[in-house]
Each structure stands twice: as C-alpha cells, then as structure tokens.
C-alpha cells in the first residue's frame, strides 16, 4: 500500500519499496502538501512554507521544479497521480489512511473512546498500535521550516498523551511490573509533567516500593521549584499524601507478592478507566479488596507513637489518644514570681470560657534572667490537671521563636535556662 510517513524522517513507501525523494526542498514540498492533505496550497503559500523568510528571487519557478521532482519520485512506487495541479497551486490527492500521522491520530481517538466506555484491554491494544507507528524521536525529522516544527510539536504532544493514556490503562489492568521501566524513562525525559510522575508513584506503591514512590515525588517537587518556582499540583500532592498514609483506596493495590511496608494484599485494582475492574473486584467479595490497616505516623524523637489522624479512628484499645504537649517540663525548684504566676494561671483558666471568641494571650517581658523563661512553664504545667496544656505554646525570645514539637518534653527546649537549672541542682547536692 502507498504510504507517506511523517512520524520520523519524511518517507514514501509502496510495499517494501521506498521512493527516492532527493533533497530537502522536495521533501519540504511533499511534507507541506501532506500536512495540509486535501487542501489546495497556492504557489505563494508553498514558497512561504519551504523558504520561510529567506525567499529567493526565482522561488516561484523553483516550486514548480520541486513539485516535478516529487512527482517523478512518487511515480516509481505508485502508478496513480498523487500530486495534482489545482489553481492557484497544488493538492495532495490520497487518502488520510495512507498517512501514518493521520492513522496515529485516529487510533488515539479510538483508544480514548474505548477507555471511556470502560474497555481498558481493548483501549490498551489500540494505543499500543498507535504508538508503534512512530519511527523516531520526532516527527518530520530533518526539516527545519516553521510549518514542520509546528506540526512536529503538535504530534509530539499527542504522542505524550497517548503514552500517558497507555500507562494509565496498564495500571488499570494490573500490569504494574511492566509499566515501571517505561515510566521511569518517560519521567526522566519529561520531568515537568506531573501526570506520569503520579502514575510512576502509583506503580511503585503497588509493587511495595514505598520509599521509591516518595523519592519520586520529592525529585519532582524539587524540579518544579528549581525550574518554574512553583510547587506540585493538588493531584500530585494528594497522591503523595496517599502514599504516606498507605491509602490503597486511592492508589489501588497491585498484583505482586512482595511485602512493602504494609502495602497489604495486592490485587489488580486500578484507577481512572479501571473503575469497572474495581467494581468487579468489590463484587467478588471482601478478599478481593482487602488491604492492610493504614500506617500510623511515628515520632522520631519519642519512644511512643503519635495519635493517629482523626479519619483513621481511635486506637485499637478504644481509649482516646492523649493530647500532645507543646510545652517544656516544669522547674521543680522554682521559687518567686508568685504574683505573675497567679496572673498567668488565671489567664489559662479562661480558656474554657464559652463566651470567649478568641484564645487568651499573655505576654511576660523583662530583662534576661532565670525567672522569665521558667515562669510560663510553671504556670502552664502545674498544678496537675489545672490547665489545658495541649493548647499552650510559648516563645522564648522575640528574635528566636520556638515551639516545641509534640510530644517532646525535653529540658533543652527552654534554651539557655536549662543549663542554669542543672547548675543550681548540682550546687544544692554538693
């Protein structure tokens, strides 16, 4: 079959025979007529397409010469006339099915339509056929004219869309293992595209590679900030949060058998166009959709776990989680400042007043010394059960604001007065 190929170097084939098109100008003439298939291009437009702004004085005559060269080359592989003269110029007279770029666009539209009808297997095969038409990294390779660059950019964007749709369909079909390698290459070649990065995170999560999924997000966020000065979009941030919380409801589960930090039982559930598969899995019973319980965040500087987020429910014991503390420990041997401590304590007791419209705020100012930093600690932490310490925070100095991270109660949180307190205790024992 006669075929004009644009998805790579511009070529014309008839079966296993290739037409010898010659130099760059005849190629540009044929490419311009093929891109505008069925449209009559005047001689003046062909001059603009082929030479851009560097038009020679004999450009009109040269167009006729190049068209004749194209006709002679095509006559060697096709008996039917392909380039016809049509006033005020020329037209390419062959079917869109004989142009690989047009077939690629038709297959892409057909694949996306099949995906919309919840036929992921059929759609994946169609998109695979569409992508197999590409023979190079770029369309219209070797042509530097403006029309060629514009058409190449348009086809390149459609190719990216087809690739990302294909990745999504593979994930919907539970083919995570075979999707990771091409996704890695795709993300490396197009680091600013968030959709394939999210697909890669999903595939890594389903195969138990949680740390790689988190690293993929971190690398993407750094690239976006460095190159564009922006943060990741809401979809990618939501995927990152889902990985952190082991949210298999959003990310789906895989078909592998590895264990990856609580990824749980992996099935073939997908996302997006795989909604139909997910519904079938749900209908199959609880075993088809089982997953491990969500992981509870862990405090690196503590010996106990932080209370799980509200949406995860209460702890397994059914007891309410203790409220985190934002304050350093009290000073056992603190004396003096009775009036100031009484004032601060009364201020804290007003937190539970339902008539208040804002939390109470107290300010203690004065020269640097021993009494000023410990005073708020003494007021807020004692006597026991006398104040709502979970809602308290404090600042040690105007230039160095400090808020203790829950649930730490380190003596060093209060800064310079900690060493003084230790020295006072040492002196009292000696």
Protein backbone atom coordinates (compact mmCIF):
# COMPACT_ATOMS: atom_id res chain seq x y z
CA UNK A 1 0.00 0.00 0.00
CA UNK A 2 1.15 3.52 -0.81
CA UNK A 3 2.09 5.32 2.40
CA UNK A 4 3.54 8.70 3.35
CA UNK A 5 5.37 8.58 6.67
CA UNK A 6 5.78 11.68 8.83
CA UNK A 7 6.34 10.10 12.28
CA UNK A 8 10.09 10.22 11.93
CA UNK A 9 12.03 11.12 8.76
CA UNK A 10 9.72 12.02 5.87
CA UNK A 11 9.50 8.97 3.61
CA UNK A 12 7.22 7.47 0.96
CA UNK A 13 6.80 3.70 0.70
CA UNK A 14 4.91 1.33 -1.58
CA UNK A 15 5.06 -2.09 -0.01
CA UNK A 16 8.78 -2.71 0.52
CA UNK A 17 9.90 -0.07 -1.97
CA UNK A 18 10.95 3.42 -0.92
CA UNK A 19 10.59 6.44 -3.17
CA UNK A 20 13.87 8.41 -3.68
CA UNK A 21 12.68 11.92 -2.86
CA UNK A 22 16.07 13.59 -3.15
CA UNK A 23 16.97 16.85 -1.41
CA UNK A 24 15.48 18.87 1.44
CA UNK A 25 13.36 21.19 -0.77
CA UNK A 26 11.34 18.40 -2.47
CA UNK A 27 10.87 16.81 0.96
CA UNK A 28 9.56 20.11 2.33
CA UNK A 29 7.13 20.46 -0.60
CA UNK A 30 5.76 16.94 -0.07
CA UNK A 31 5.54 17.42 3.71
CA UNK A 32 3.67 20.72 3.35
CA UNK A 33 1.15 19.18 0.94
CA UNK A 34 0.71 16.12 3.22
CA UNK A 35 0.24 18.18 6.40
CA UNK A 36 -2.48 20.13 4.56
CA UNK A 37 -3.90 16.98 2.97
CA UNK A 38 -6.81 17.66 0.62
CA UNK A 39 -6.23 21.42 0.82
CA UNK A 40 -5.14 23.40 -2.21
CA UNK A 41 -1.90 25.24 -1.46
CA UNK A 42 -1.15 28.20 -3.67
CA UNK A 43 2.33 28.70 -5.06
CA UNK A 44 2.82 31.69 -2.75
CA UNK A 45 1.99 29.60 0.35
CA UNK A 46 4.35 26.85 -0.75
CA UNK A 47 7.06 29.47 -1.15
CA UNK A 48 6.45 30.63 2.41
CA UNK A 49 6.40 27.06 3.74
CA UNK A 50 9.60 25.98 2.00
CA UNK A 51 11.77 29.09 2.37
CA UNK A 52 10.22 30.92 5.35
CA UNK A 53 11.63 34.47 5.21
CA UNK A 54 14.65 33.72 3.01
CA UNK A 55 12.82 33.67 -0.30
CA UNK A 56 15.00 33.65 -3.46
CA UNK A 57 14.05 35.72 -6.48
CA UNK A 58 13.23 32.60 -8.50
CA UNK A 59 11.17 30.93 -5.76
CA UNK A 60 8.02 30.56 -7.89
CA UNK A 61 9.88 28.72 -10.61
CA UNK A 62 11.71 26.61 -8.06
CA UNK A 63 8.40 25.45 -6.57
CA UNK A 64 7.34 24.07 -9.94
CA UNK A 65 10.72 22.35 -10.27
CA UNK A 66 10.48 20.71 -6.86
CA UNK A 67 6.89 19.57 -7.47
CA UNK A 68 8.03 17.91 -10.68
CA UNK A 69 10.84 16.16 -8.78
CA UNK A 70 8.37 14.85 -6.21
CA UNK A 71 6.05 13.57 -8.95
CA UNK A 72 8.88 11.68 -10.67
CA UNK A 73 9.94 10.08 -7.37
CA UNK A 74 6.41 9.02 -6.49
CA UNK A 75 5.78 7.65 -9.97
CA UNK A 76 8.40 4.97 -9.25
CA UNK A 77 6.29 3.46 -6.47
CA UNK A 78 2.74 4.48 -7.44
CA UNK A 79 1.03 4.44 -10.80
CA UNK A 80 -1.78 6.77 -9.71
CA UNK A 81 -1.05 10.50 -9.74
CA UNK A 82 -0.56 11.74 -6.18
CA UNK A 83 0.24 15.46 -6.55
CA UNK A 84 -2.30 17.25 -8.73
CA UNK A 85 -2.26 20.75 -10.14
CA UNK A 86 -5.22 22.73 -8.91
CA UNK A 87 -5.34 26.52 -9.45
CA UNK A 88 -3.90 28.51 -7.82
CA UNK A 89 -1.42 25.80 -6.77
CA UNK A 90 -1.22 22.10 -5.91
CA UNK A 91 -3.04 19.50 -3.80
CA UNK A 92 -2.07 16.10 -2.39
CA UNK A 93 -4.65 13.59 -3.65
CA UNK A 94 -4.54 10.48 -1.47
CA UNK A 95 -6.46 9.05 1.47
CA UNK A 96 -5.78 10.08 5.10
CA UNK A 97 -5.33 6.36 5.87
CA UNK A 98 -2.20 6.49 3.70
CA UNK A 99 -0.52 8.96 6.09
CA UNK A 100 0.89 7.45 9.29
CA UNK A 101 0.32 10.67 11.27
CA UNK A 102 -3.40 10.65 10.38
CA UNK A 103 -3.72 6.98 11.34
CA UNK A 104 -1.98 7.70 14.63
CA UNK A 105 -4.49 10.44 15.48
CA UNK A 106 -7.43 8.20 14.53
CA UNK A 107 -6.14 5.33 16.69
CA UNK A 108 -5.54 7.69 19.60
CA UNK A 109 -9.12 8.96 19.42
CA UNK A 110 -10.43 5.39 19.12
CA UNK A 111 -8.37 4.21 22.09
CA UNK A 112 -9.53 7.04 24.31
CA UNK A 113 -13.13 6.32 23.28
CA UNK A 114 -12.73 2.66 24.25
CA UNK A 115 -11.25 3.69 27.59
CA UNK A 116 -14.21 5.99 28.21
CA UNK A 117 -16.53 3.01 27.59
CA UNK A 118 -14.63 1.06 30.29
CA UNK A 119 -12.80 -1.27 27.93
CA UNK A 120 -9.24 -0.94 29.20
CA UNK A 121 -7.88 -4.06 27.49
CA UNK A 122 -9.15 -3.04 24.08
CA UNK A 123 -8.02 0.55 24.58
CA UNK A 124 -4.52 -0.54 25.64
CA UNK A 125 -4.11 -2.63 22.47
CA UNK A 126 -5.30 0.22 20.25
CA UNK A 127 -2.92 2.72 21.84
CA UNK A 128 -0.08 0.24 21.53
CA UNK A 129 -0.76 0.03 17.78
CA UNK A 130 -0.87 3.81 17.56
CA UNK A 131 2.49 4.26 19.31
CA UNK A 132 4.10 1.56 17.17
CA UNK A 133 3.70 3.86 14.12
CA UNK A 134 6.43 6.16 15.43
CA UNK A 135 9.87 5.51 13.88
CA UNK A 136 11.89 8.23 15.59
CA UNK A 137 12.05 10.67 18.47
CA UNK A 138 10.40 13.48 16.49
CA UNK A 139 8.02 13.85 13.60
CA UNK A 140 9.22 15.35 10.30
CA UNK A 141 12.84 14.82 11.25
CA UNK A 142 15.34 16.68 9.09
CA UNK A 143 13.01 19.57 8.22
CA UNK A 144 13.65 22.91 9.93
CA UNK A 145 10.92 25.02 8.33
CA UNK A 146 8.43 26.72 10.62
CA UNK A 147 5.43 24.68 9.48
CA UNK A 148 7.40 21.46 10.08
CA UNK A 149 8.42 22.49 13.60
CA UNK A 150 4.84 23.45 14.47
CA UNK A 151 3.42 20.17 13.15
CA UNK A 152 6.17 18.19 14.89
CA UNK A 153 5.38 19.89 18.20
CA UNK A 154 1.66 19.12 17.81
CA UNK A 155 2.30 15.46 17.04
CA UNK A 156 4.82 15.20 19.87
CA UNK A 157 2.21 16.41 22.36
CA UNK A 158 -0.29 13.86 21.04
CA UNK A 159 2.36 11.18 21.42
CA UNK A 160 2.88 12.13 25.07
CA UNK A 161 -0.87 11.98 25.63
CA UNK A 162 -1.02 8.52 24.03
CA UNK A 163 1.89 7.27 26.15
CA UNK A 164 0.38 8.54 29.38
CA UNK A 165 -3.03 7.13 28.49
CA UNK A 166 -1.33 3.80 27.80
CA UNK A 167 0.44 3.87 31.17
CA UNK A 168 -2.85 4.55 32.92
CA UNK A 169 -4.53 1.65 31.13
CA UNK A 170 -1.73 -0.73 32.08
CA UNK A 171 -2.15 0.28 35.70
CA UNK A 172 -5.89 -0.27 35.40
CA UNK A 173 -5.18 -3.78 34.09
CA UNK A 174 -2.83 -4.56 36.98
CA UNK A 175 0.36 -4.53 34.89
CA UNK A 176 2.43 -2.50 37.34
CA UNK A 177 5.63 -4.52 36.93
CA UNK A 178 5.83 -3.99 33.17
CA UNK A 179 4.88 -0.32 33.47
CA UNK A 180 7.59 0.89 35.86
CA UNK A 181 10.53 0.72 33.41
CA UNK A 182 8.92 2.76 30.60
CA UNK A 183 7.51 5.18 33.16
CA UNK A 184 10.98 5.77 34.62
CA UNK A 185 12.31 6.65 31.16
CA UNK A 186 9.28 8.82 30.42
CA UNK A 187 9.55 10.79 33.68
CA UNK A 188 13.29 11.29 33.17
CA UNK A 189 12.68 12.66 29.66
CA UNK A 190 9.78 14.88 30.76
CA UNK A 191 10.40 15.79 34.43
CA UNK A 192 7.91 18.69 34.48
CA UNK A 193 4.89 16.57 33.54
CA UNK A 194 3.05 15.66 36.73
CA UNK A 195 0.67 13.04 35.38
CA UNK A 196 3.29 10.38 34.51
CA UNK A 197 5.12 11.11 37.77
CA UNK A 198 1.92 10.34 39.65
CA UNK A 199 1.47 7.16 37.60
CA UNK A 200 5.02 6.11 38.47
CA UNK A 201 4.34 6.74 42.17
CA UNK A 202 1.21 4.59 41.90
CA UNK A 203 3.04 1.74 40.19
CA UNK A 204 5.86 1.83 42.74
CA UNK A 205 3.38 1.87 45.61
CA UNK A 206 1.51 -1.15 44.29
CA UNK A 207 4.72 -3.16 43.94
CA UNK A 208 5.75 -2.41 47.52
CA UNK A 209 8.40 0.21 46.70
CA UNK A 210 7.11 2.88 49.05
CA UNK A 211 10.46 4.61 49.52
CA UNK A 212 10.97 4.88 45.75
CA UNK A 213 7.49 6.35 45.37
CA UNK A 214 8.25 9.01 47.99
CA UNK A 215 11.62 9.75 46.38
CA UNK A 216 9.91 10.18 43.00
CA UNK A 217 7.63 12.81 44.50
CA UNK A 218 10.50 14.60 46.21
CA UNK A 219 12.51 14.76 42.99
CA UNK A 220 9.52 16.12 41.09
CA UNK A 221 8.83 18.79 43.69
CA UNK A 222 12.47 19.92 43.62
CA UNK A 223 12.49 20.11 39.81
CA UNK A 224 9.29 22.16 39.73
CA UNK A 225 10.60 24.57 42.34
CA UNK A 226 14.00 24.92 40.68
CA UNK A 227 12.80 25.24 37.08
CA UNK A 228 9.46 27.03 37.46
CA UNK A 229 9.37 28.32 41.03
CA UNK A 230 6.11 26.51 41.77
CA UNK A 231 5.03 23.63 43.96
CA UNK A 232 3.49 20.36 42.83
CA UNK A 233 -0.16 20.45 41.80
CA UNK A 234 -3.03 19.30 44.02
CA UNK A 235 -3.34 15.88 42.33
CA UNK A 236 0.33 15.03 42.85
CA UNK A 237 0.24 16.30 46.43
CA UNK A 238 -2.84 14.16 47.09
CA UNK A 239 -1.02 11.11 45.72
CA UNK A 240 1.94 11.86 47.96
CA UNK A 241 -0.34 12.02 50.99
CA UNK A 242 -1.99 8.76 49.92
CA UNK A 243 1.42 7.05 49.79
CA UNK A 244 2.31 8.40 53.23
CA UNK A 245 -0.94 7.08 54.72
CA UNK A 246 -0.98 3.81 52.76
CA UNK A 247 -4.29 4.79 51.16
CA UNK A 248 -4.96 1.80 48.91
CA UNK A 249 -8.48 3.11 48.30
CA UNK A 250 -6.98 5.92 46.22
CA UNK A 251 -3.85 4.23 44.88
CA UNK A 252 -5.26 0.77 44.35
CA UNK A 253 -3.41 -2.45 45.08
CA UNK A 254 -1.06 -4.43 42.90
CA UNK A 255 -0.78 -7.99 41.68
CA UNK A 256 2.70 -8.68 43.04
CA UNK A 257 3.51 -10.82 46.03
CA UNK A 258 6.20 -8.71 47.70
CA UNK A 259 5.66 -7.04 51.02
CA UNK A 260 6.39 -3.38 51.12
CA UNK A 261 5.97 -1.54 54.41
CA UNK A 262 2.37 -2.50 54.94
CA UNK A 263 1.15 -2.45 51.35
CA UNK A 264 -1.07 -5.40 52.19
CA UNK A 265 -2.66 -7.83 49.77
CA UNK A 266 -2.27 -6.70 46.19
CA UNK A 267 -4.87 -7.38 43.55
CA UNK A 268 -5.41 -5.98 40.09
CA UNK A 269 -7.40 -2.95 41.09
CA UNK A 270 -6.67 0.18 39.10
CA UNK A 271 -7.65 3.81 38.97
CA UNK A 272 -9.22 6.08 36.36
CA UNK A 273 -10.54 3.99 33.48
CA UNK A 274 -10.22 0.86 35.60
CA UNK A 275 -13.30 1.68 37.61
CA UNK A 276 -15.11 -1.27 36.04
CA UNK A 277 -12.41 -3.70 37.16
CA UNK A 278 -12.55 -2.26 40.63
CA UNK A 279 -16.31 -2.74 40.77
CA UNK A 280 -15.90 -6.39 39.72
CA UNK A 281 -13.31 -6.94 42.43
CA UNK A 282 -15.58 -5.43 45.04
CA UNK A 283 -18.42 -7.66 43.88
CA UNK A 284 -16.15 -10.71 44.23
CA UNK A 285 -16.09 -10.30 48.00
CA UNK A 286 -14.04 -8.81 50.82
CA UNK A 287 -10.93 -10.86 49.98
CA UNK A 288 -10.64 -9.16 46.60
CA UNK A 289 -10.32 -5.73 48.11
CA UNK A 290 -8.61 -6.42 51.41
CA UNK A 291 -5.71 -4.22 52.41
CA UNK A 292 -3.53 -3.68 55.44
CA UNK A 293 -4.57 -1.12 58.04
CA UNK A 294 -3.13 2.34 57.49
CA UNK A 295 0.26 3.06 58.98
CA UNK A 296 0.36 5.37 62.00
CA UNK A 297 2.93 8.18 61.83
CA UNK A 298 5.83 7.67 64.20
CA UNK A 299 7.62 10.26 66.30
CA UNK A 300 11.37 10.12 65.64
CA UNK A 301 12.33 11.82 68.91
CA UNK A 302 10.00 9.89 71.21
CA UNK A 303 9.51 6.37 72.44
CA UNK A 304 5.81 6.18 71.73
CA UNK A 305 3.53 6.68 68.75
CA UNK A 306 1.69 9.85 67.96
CA UNK A 307 -2.07 9.65 67.93
CA UNK A 308 -3.37 8.62 64.52
CA UNK A 309 -5.24 11.22 62.44
CA UNK A 310 -8.93 11.56 63.17
CA UNK A 311 -10.01 9.87 59.95
CA UNK A 312 -8.23 6.70 60.97
CA UNK A 313 -10.41 6.36 64.09
CA UNK A 314 -9.44 5.65 67.72
CA UNK A 315 -6.57 3.48 68.82
CA UNK A 316 -7.14 -0.30 68.93
CA UNK A 317 -7.75 -0.13 72.69
CA UNK A 318 -10.68 2.22 72.20
CA UNK A 319 -9.18 4.77 74.59
CA UNK A 320 -8.84 8.36 73.37
CA UNK A 321 -5.31 9.31 72.37
CA UNK A 322 -3.55 11.70 74.79
CA UNK A 323 -3.33 15.28 73.65
CA UNK A 324 0.19 16.29 72.54
CA UNK A 325 2.15 18.70 74.74
CA UNK A 326 3.62 21.89 73.32
CA UNK A 327 5.48 22.89 76.48
CA UNK A 328 8.83 22.02 78.09
CA UNK A 329 8.81 20.42 81.56
CA UNK A 330 8.19 22.37 84.74
CA UNK A 331 11.02 23.54 87.03
CA UNK A 332 10.67 21.59 90.29
CA UNK A 333 12.66 24.03 92.47
CA UNK A 334 11.35 27.29 91.02
CA UNK A 335 10.55 30.00 93.65
CA UNK A 336 9.34 33.58 93.49
CA UNK A 337 7.23 35.46 90.94
CA UNK A 338 4.11 34.41 92.83
CA UNK A 339 2.04 37.32 91.55
CA UNK A 340 3.00 36.80 87.91
CA UNK A 341 2.36 33.06 88.09
CA UNK A 342 -1.07 33.63 89.66
CA UNK A 343 -1.91 36.06 86.85
CA UNK A 344 -0.80 33.62 84.15
CA UNK A 345 -2.67 30.74 85.78
CA UNK A 346 -5.90 32.73 85.92
CA UNK A 347 -5.44 33.63 82.27
CA UNK A 348 -5.15 29.97 81.32
CA UNK A 349 -8.26 29.06 83.30
CA UNK A 350 -10.20 31.36 80.99
CA UNK A 351 -9.67 29.05 78.02
CA UNK A 352 -12.78 27.03 78.84
CA UNK A 353 -14.97 30.13 78.99
CA UNK A 354 -17.60 29.55 76.30
CA UNK A 355 -18.30 33.26 75.96
CA UNK A 356 -14.82 33.96 74.59
CA UNK A 357 -14.40 34.45 70.85
CA UNK A 358 -10.57 34.19 70.82
CA UNK A 359 -7.93 32.32 72.81
CA UNK A 360 -6.30 34.24 75.71
CA UNK A 361 -2.78 35.54 75.07
CA UNK A 362 -0.39 36.68 77.80
CA UNK A 363 2.94 38.50 77.42
CA UNK A 364 5.76 38.39 80.00
CA UNK A 365 8.52 40.92 79.39
CA UNK A 366 11.62 41.97 81.30
CA UNK A 367 15.38 41.67 81.46
CA UNK A 368 17.14 38.41 80.73
CA UNK A 369 17.33 36.19 83.80
CA UNK A 370 16.32 32.98 85.46
CA UNK A 371 12.72 33.80 86.30
CA UNK A 372 11.32 34.98 82.98
CA UNK A 373 11.64 31.80 80.84
CA UNK A 374 10.52 29.29 83.52
CA UNK A 375 7.51 31.37 84.56
CA UNK A 376 5.21 30.39 81.68
CA UNK A 377 6.29 26.75 82.04
CA UNK A 378 5.41 26.76 85.74
CA UNK A 379 2.06 28.44 85.05
CA UNK A 380 1.02 26.18 82.22
CA UNK A 381 2.20 22.81 83.52
CA UNK A 382 1.19 22.90 87.18
CA UNK A 383 -0.58 22.10 89.33
CA UNK A 384 -1.62 18.83 87.63
CA UNK A 385 -4.88 18.83 85.66
CA UNK A 386 -5.31 22.53 86.32
CA UNK A 387 -4.76 23.90 82.81
CA UNK A 388 -5.31 22.78 79.22
CA UNK A 389 -1.62 22.42 78.32
CA UNK A 390 -2.37 20.76 74.99
CA UNK A 391 -3.36 24.13 73.60
CA UNK A 392 -0.47 26.13 75.06
CA UNK A 393 2.67 27.31 73.29
CA UNK A 394 5.33 29.85 74.16
CA UNK A 395 8.15 31.92 72.69
CA UNK A 396 11.49 32.22 74.49
CA UNK A 397 12.68 35.44 72.84
CA UNK A 398 11.38 37.82 70.13
CA UNK A 399 14.23 37.03 67.75
CA UNK A 400 14.21 33.26 68.24
CA UNK A 401 10.61 32.00 68.36
CA UNK A 402 10.41 28.40 69.47
CA UNK A 403 7.53 25.99 69.53
CA UNK A 404 8.20 22.59 71.00
CA UNK A 405 7.18 19.79 68.64
CA UNK A 406 4.70 17.36 70.20
CA UNK A 407 5.08 15.19 72.16
CA UNK A 408 8.63 16.20 73.22
CA UNK A 409 9.22 17.42 76.77
CA UNK A 410 12.97 17.85 76.51
CA UNK A 411 14.66 20.04 79.18
CA UNK A 412 16.65 21.66 76.39
CA UNK A 413 13.53 23.13 74.80
CA UNK A 414 13.64 26.12 77.10
CA UNK A 415 17.04 27.15 75.77
CA UNK A 416 19.57 28.94 78.00
CA UNK A 417 17.86 28.50 81.37
CA UNK A 418 18.17 24.68 81.19
CA UNK A 419 21.90 24.74 81.89
CA UNK A 420 21.35 27.20 84.76
CA UNK A 421 18.77 24.90 86.31
CA UNK A 422 21.14 21.95 86.11
CA UNK A 423 23.92 24.02 87.74
CA UNK A 424 21.58 25.06 90.58
CA UNK A 425 20.67 21.43 91.25
CA UNK A 426 24.33 20.40 91.22
CA UNK A 427 25.21 23.12 93.75
CA UNK A 428 22.35 22.07 96.05
CA UNK A 429 23.52 18.46 96.14
CA UNK A 430 27.11 19.42 96.94
